[in-house]
Protein backbone atom coordinates (compact mmCIF):
# COMPACT_ATOMS: atom_id res chain seq x y z
CA UNK A 1 0.00 0.00 0.00
CA UNK A 2 1.29 3.43 -0.86
CA UNK A 3 0.29 6.69 0.83
CA UNK A 4 -3.30 6.82 2.01
CA UNK A 5 -5.83 8.22 -0.41
CA UNK A 6 -8.39 10.77 0.83
CA UNK A 7 -11.01 7.99 0.85
CA UNK A 8 -8.76 5.79 2.97
CA UNK A 9 -8.06 8.65 5.36
CA UNK A 10 -11.80 9.16 5.72
CA UNK A 11 -12.44 5.43 6.26
CA UNK A 12 -9.70 5.08 8.88
CA UNK A 13 -10.68 8.36 10.49
CA UNK A 14 -14.31 7.34 10.72
CA UNK A 15 -13.39 3.96 12.22
CA UNK A 16 -11.35 5.80 14.87
CA UNK A 17 -14.31 8.09 15.60
CA UNK A 18 -16.50 5.01 15.98
CA UNK A 19 -13.98 3.54 18.44
CA UNK A 20 -13.81 6.79 20.41
CA UNK A 21 -17.57 7.33 20.58
CA UNK A 22 -19.50 10.58 20.16
CA UNK A 23 -18.21 12.22 23.36
CA UNK A 24 -14.96 10.52 24.28
CA UNK A 25 -13.05 11.22 27.44
CA UNK A 26 -9.36 11.97 27.40
CA UNK A 27 -8.32 8.39 28.20
CA UNK A 28 -10.29 6.90 25.32
CA UNK A 29 -8.66 9.40 22.97
CA UNK A 30 -5.20 8.58 24.29
CA UNK A 31 -5.98 4.88 23.82
CA UNK A 32 -6.49 5.57 20.10
CA UNK A 33 -2.93 6.80 19.60
CA UNK A 34 -1.37 3.31 19.29
CA UNK A 35 -4.11 2.44 16.79
CA UNK A 36 -3.25 5.55 14.75
CA UNK A 37 0.43 4.62 14.85
CA UNK A 38 -0.37 1.06 13.78
CA UNK A 39 -2.38 2.33 10.81
CA UNK A 40 0.41 4.52 9.48
CA UNK A 41 3.12 1.96 10.24
CA UNK A 42 1.43 -0.49 7.89
CA UNK A 43 1.48 1.90 4.94
CA UNK A 44 4.36 1.19 2.57
CA UNK A 45 6.31 3.76 0.61
CA UNK A 46 5.84 6.62 3.05
CA UNK A 47 8.67 8.55 4.61
CA UNK A 48 8.71 9.11 8.36
CA UNK A 49 7.58 12.71 7.79
CA UNK A 50 4.65 11.52 5.66
CA UNK A 51 3.68 9.01 8.36
CA UNK A 52 3.79 11.75 11.01
CA UNK A 53 1.67 14.00 8.81
CA UNK A 54 -0.84 11.22 8.13
CA UNK A 55 -1.04 10.36 11.84
CA UNK A 56 -1.60 14.04 12.65
CA UNK A 57 -4.36 14.21 10.02
CA UNK A 58 -6.07 11.17 11.57
CA UNK A 59 -5.84 12.69 15.06
CA UNK A 60 -7.30 15.95 13.79
CA UNK A 61 -10.09 14.07 12.02
CA UNK A 62 -11.07 12.34 15.26
CA UNK A 63 -10.97 15.59 17.24
CA UNK A 64 -12.98 17.44 14.58
CA UNK A 65 -15.65 14.74 14.49
CA UNK A 66 -16.15 14.15 18.20
CA UNK A 67 -17.33 16.41 20.99
CA UNK A 68 -15.60 16.91 24.29
CA UNK A 69 -18.19 16.98 27.04
CA UNK A 70 -16.23 19.33 29.30
CA UNK A 71 -14.92 22.04 26.98
CA UNK A 72 -15.99 23.94 23.91
CA UNK A 73 -14.40 22.31 20.83
CA UNK A 74 -12.83 25.54 19.61
CA UNK A 75 -10.85 25.57 22.87
CA UNK A 76 -10.22 21.87 23.44
CA UNK A 77 -9.50 20.68 19.89
CA UNK A 78 -6.35 22.79 19.30
CA UNK A 79 -4.99 21.96 22.76
CA UNK A 80 -5.64 18.25 22.44
CA UNK A 81 -4.33 18.18 18.89
CA UNK A 82 -0.96 19.54 20.02
CA UNK A 83 -0.83 17.21 23.02
CA UNK A 84 -1.75 14.09 21.05
CA UNK A 85 0.74 14.89 18.29
CA UNK A 86 3.43 15.16 20.97
CA UNK A 87 2.35 11.79 22.40
CA UNK A 88 2.50 10.26 18.91
CA UNK A 89 6.11 11.37 18.62
CA UNK A 90 6.87 9.32 21.73
CA UNK A 91 5.35 6.11 20.36
C-alpha atoms as a PDB file:
ATOM      1  CA  UNK A   1       0.000   0.000   0.000  1.00  0.00           C
ATOM      2  CA  UNK A   2       1.291   3.433  -0.862  1.00  0.00           C
ATOM      3  CA  UNK A   3       0.285   6.687   0.827  1.00  0.00           C
ATOM      4  CA  UNK A   4      -3.300   6.817   2.010  1.00  0.00           C
ATOM      5  CA  UNK A   5      -5.830   8.217  -0.405  1.00  0.00           C
ATOM      6  CA  UNK A   6      -8.390  10.773   0.829  1.00  0.00           C
ATOM      7  CA  UNK A   7     -11.007   7.995   0.850  1.00  0.00           C
ATOM      8  CA  UNK A   8      -8.761   5.786   2.973  1.00  0.00           C
ATOM      9  CA  UNK A   9      -8.058   8.652   5.359  1.00  0.00           C
ATOM     10  CA  UNK A  10     -11.803   9.156   5.717  1.00  0.00           C
ATOM     11  CA  UNK A  11     -12.437   5.430   6.259  1.00  0.00           C
ATOM     12  CA  UNK A  12      -9.700   5.084   8.876  1.00  0.00           C
ATOM     13  CA  UNK A  13     -10.685   8.364  10.491  1.00  0.00           C
ATOM     14  CA  UNK A  14     -14.313   7.335  10.721  1.00  0.00           C
ATOM     15  CA  UNK A  15     -13.390   3.961  12.219  1.00  0.00           C
ATOM     16  CA  UNK A  16     -11.348   5.801  14.866  1.00  0.00           C
ATOM     17  CA  UNK A  17     -14.309   8.092  15.599  1.00  0.00           C
ATOM     18  CA  UNK A  18     -16.503   5.005  15.979  1.00  0.00           C
ATOM     19  CA  UNK A  19     -13.978   3.537  18.438  1.00  0.00           C
ATOM     20  CA  UNK A  20     -13.815   6.790  20.408  1.00  0.00           C
ATOM     21  CA  UNK A  21     -17.571   7.335  20.577  1.00  0.00           C
ATOM     22  CA  UNK A  22     -19.495  10.575  20.159  1.00  0.00           C
ATOM     23  CA  UNK A  23     -18.212  12.216  23.358  1.00  0.00           C
ATOM     24  CA  UNK A  24     -14.957  10.524  24.283  1.00  0.00           C
ATOM     25  CA  UNK A  25     -13.049  11.219  27.436  1.00  0.00           C
ATOM     26  CA  UNK A  26      -9.363  11.970  27.396  1.00  0.00           C
ATOM     27  CA  UNK A  27      -8.322   8.391  28.195  1.00  0.00           C
ATOM     28  CA  UNK A  28     -10.291   6.901  25.317  1.00  0.00           C
ATOM     29  CA  UNK A  29      -8.661   9.405  22.966  1.00  0.00           C
ATOM     30  CA  UNK A  30      -5.198   8.576  24.290  1.00  0.00           C
ATOM     31  CA  UNK A  31      -5.975   4.878  23.815  1.00  0.00           C
ATOM     32  CA  UNK A  32      -6.493   5.566  20.096  1.00  0.00           C
ATOM     33  CA  UNK A  33      -2.931   6.800  19.602  1.00  0.00           C
ATOM     34  CA  UNK A  34      -1.366   3.313  19.285  1.00  0.00           C
ATOM     35  CA  UNK A  35      -4.113   2.441  16.794  1.00  0.00           C
ATOM     36  CA  UNK A  36      -3.252   5.545  14.749  1.00  0.00           C
ATOM     37  CA  UNK A  37       0.428   4.620  14.850  1.00  0.00           C
ATOM     38  CA  UNK A  38      -0.370   1.058  13.780  1.00  0.00           C
ATOM     39  CA  UNK A  39      -2.378   2.332  10.806  1.00  0.00           C
ATOM     40  CA  UNK A  40       0.406   4.518   9.479  1.00  0.00           C
ATOM     41  CA  UNK A  41       3.123   1.963  10.242  1.00  0.00           C
ATOM     42  CA  UNK A  42       1.428  -0.494   7.886  1.00  0.00           C
ATOM     43  CA  UNK A  43       1.482   1.898   4.945  1.00  0.00           C
ATOM     44  CA  UNK A  44       4.359   1.189   2.567  1.00  0.00           C
ATOM     45  CA  UNK A  45       6.313   3.764   0.610  1.00  0.00           C
ATOM     46  CA  UNK A  46       5.836   6.622   3.049  1.00  0.00           C
ATOM     47  CA  UNK A  47       8.668   8.552   4.609  1.00  0.00           C
ATOM     48  CA  UNK A  48       8.706   9.113   8.362  1.00  0.00           C
ATOM     49  CA  UNK A  49       7.582  12.706   7.794  1.00  0.00           C
ATOM     50  CA  UNK A  50       4.647  11.516   5.658  1.00  0.00           C
ATOM     51  CA  UNK A  51       3.685   9.005   8.358  1.00  0.00           C
ATOM     52  CA  UNK A  52       3.793  11.754  11.007  1.00  0.00           C
ATOM     53  CA  UNK A  53       1.666  13.995   8.815  1.00  0.00           C
ATOM     54  CA  UNK A  54      -0.843  11.216   8.134  1.00  0.00           C
ATOM     55  CA  UNK A  55      -1.042  10.356  11.845  1.00  0.00           C
ATOM     56  CA  UNK A  56      -1.601  14.040  12.647  1.00  0.00           C
ATOM     57  CA  UNK A  57      -4.365  14.210  10.024  1.00  0.00           C
ATOM     58  CA  UNK A  58      -6.069  11.170  11.573  1.00  0.00           C
ATOM     59  CA  UNK A  59      -5.843  12.689  15.061  1.00  0.00           C
ATOM     60  CA  UNK A  60      -7.298  15.954  13.792  1.00  0.00           C
ATOM     61  CA  UNK A  61     -10.091  14.070  12.016  1.00  0.00           C
ATOM     62  CA  UNK A  62     -11.066  12.339  15.262  1.00  0.00           C
ATOM     63  CA  UNK A  63     -10.972  15.590  17.235  1.00  0.00           C
ATOM     64  CA  UNK A  64     -12.976  17.444  14.585  1.00  0.00           C
ATOM     65  CA  UNK A  65     -15.649  14.744  14.491  1.00  0.00           C
ATOM     66  CA  UNK A  66     -16.152  14.152  18.199  1.00  0.00           C
ATOM     67  CA  UNK A  67     -17.328  16.411  20.990  1.00  0.00           C
ATOM     68  CA  UNK A  68     -15.603  16.907  24.286  1.00  0.00           C
ATOM     69  CA  UNK A  69     -18.193  16.976  27.039  1.00  0.00           C
ATOM     70  CA  UNK A  70     -16.233  19.329  29.302  1.00  0.00           C
ATOM     71  CA  UNK A  71     -14.923  22.044  26.984  1.00  0.00           C
ATOM     72  CA  UNK A  72     -15.987  23.942  23.907  1.00  0.00           C
ATOM     73  CA  UNK A  73     -14.400  22.308  20.830  1.00  0.00           C
ATOM     74  CA  UNK A  74     -12.832  25.541  19.612  1.00  0.00           C
ATOM     75  CA  UNK A  75     -10.846  25.570  22.867  1.00  0.00           C
ATOM     76  CA  UNK A  76     -10.222  21.873  23.440  1.00  0.00           C
ATOM     77  CA  UNK A  77      -9.501  20.676  19.889  1.00  0.00           C
ATOM     78  CA  UNK A  78      -6.353  22.790  19.297  1.00  0.00           C
ATOM     79  CA  UNK A  79      -4.988  21.962  22.756  1.00  0.00           C
ATOM     80  CA  UNK A  80      -5.638  18.245  22.444  1.00  0.00           C
ATOM     81  CA  UNK A  81      -4.327  18.178  18.889  1.00  0.00           C
ATOM     82  CA  UNK A  82      -0.959  19.536  20.020  1.00  0.00           C
ATOM     83  CA  UNK A  83      -0.835  17.209  23.021  1.00  0.00           C
ATOM     84  CA  UNK A  84      -1.755  14.091  21.054  1.00  0.00           C
ATOM     85  CA  UNK A  85       0.735  14.888  18.293  1.00  0.00           C
ATOM     86  CA  UNK A  86       3.428  15.164  20.974  1.00  0.00           C
ATOM     87  CA  UNK A  87       2.347  11.791  22.398  1.00  0.00           C
ATOM     88  CA  UNK A  88       2.502  10.262  18.912  1.00  0.00           C
ATOM     89  CA  UNK A  89       6.108  11.367  18.621  1.00  0.00           C
ATOM     90  CA  UNK A  90       6.872   9.320  21.726  1.00  0.00           C
ATOM     91  CA  UNK A  91       5.353   6.109  20.361  1.00  0.00           C
END
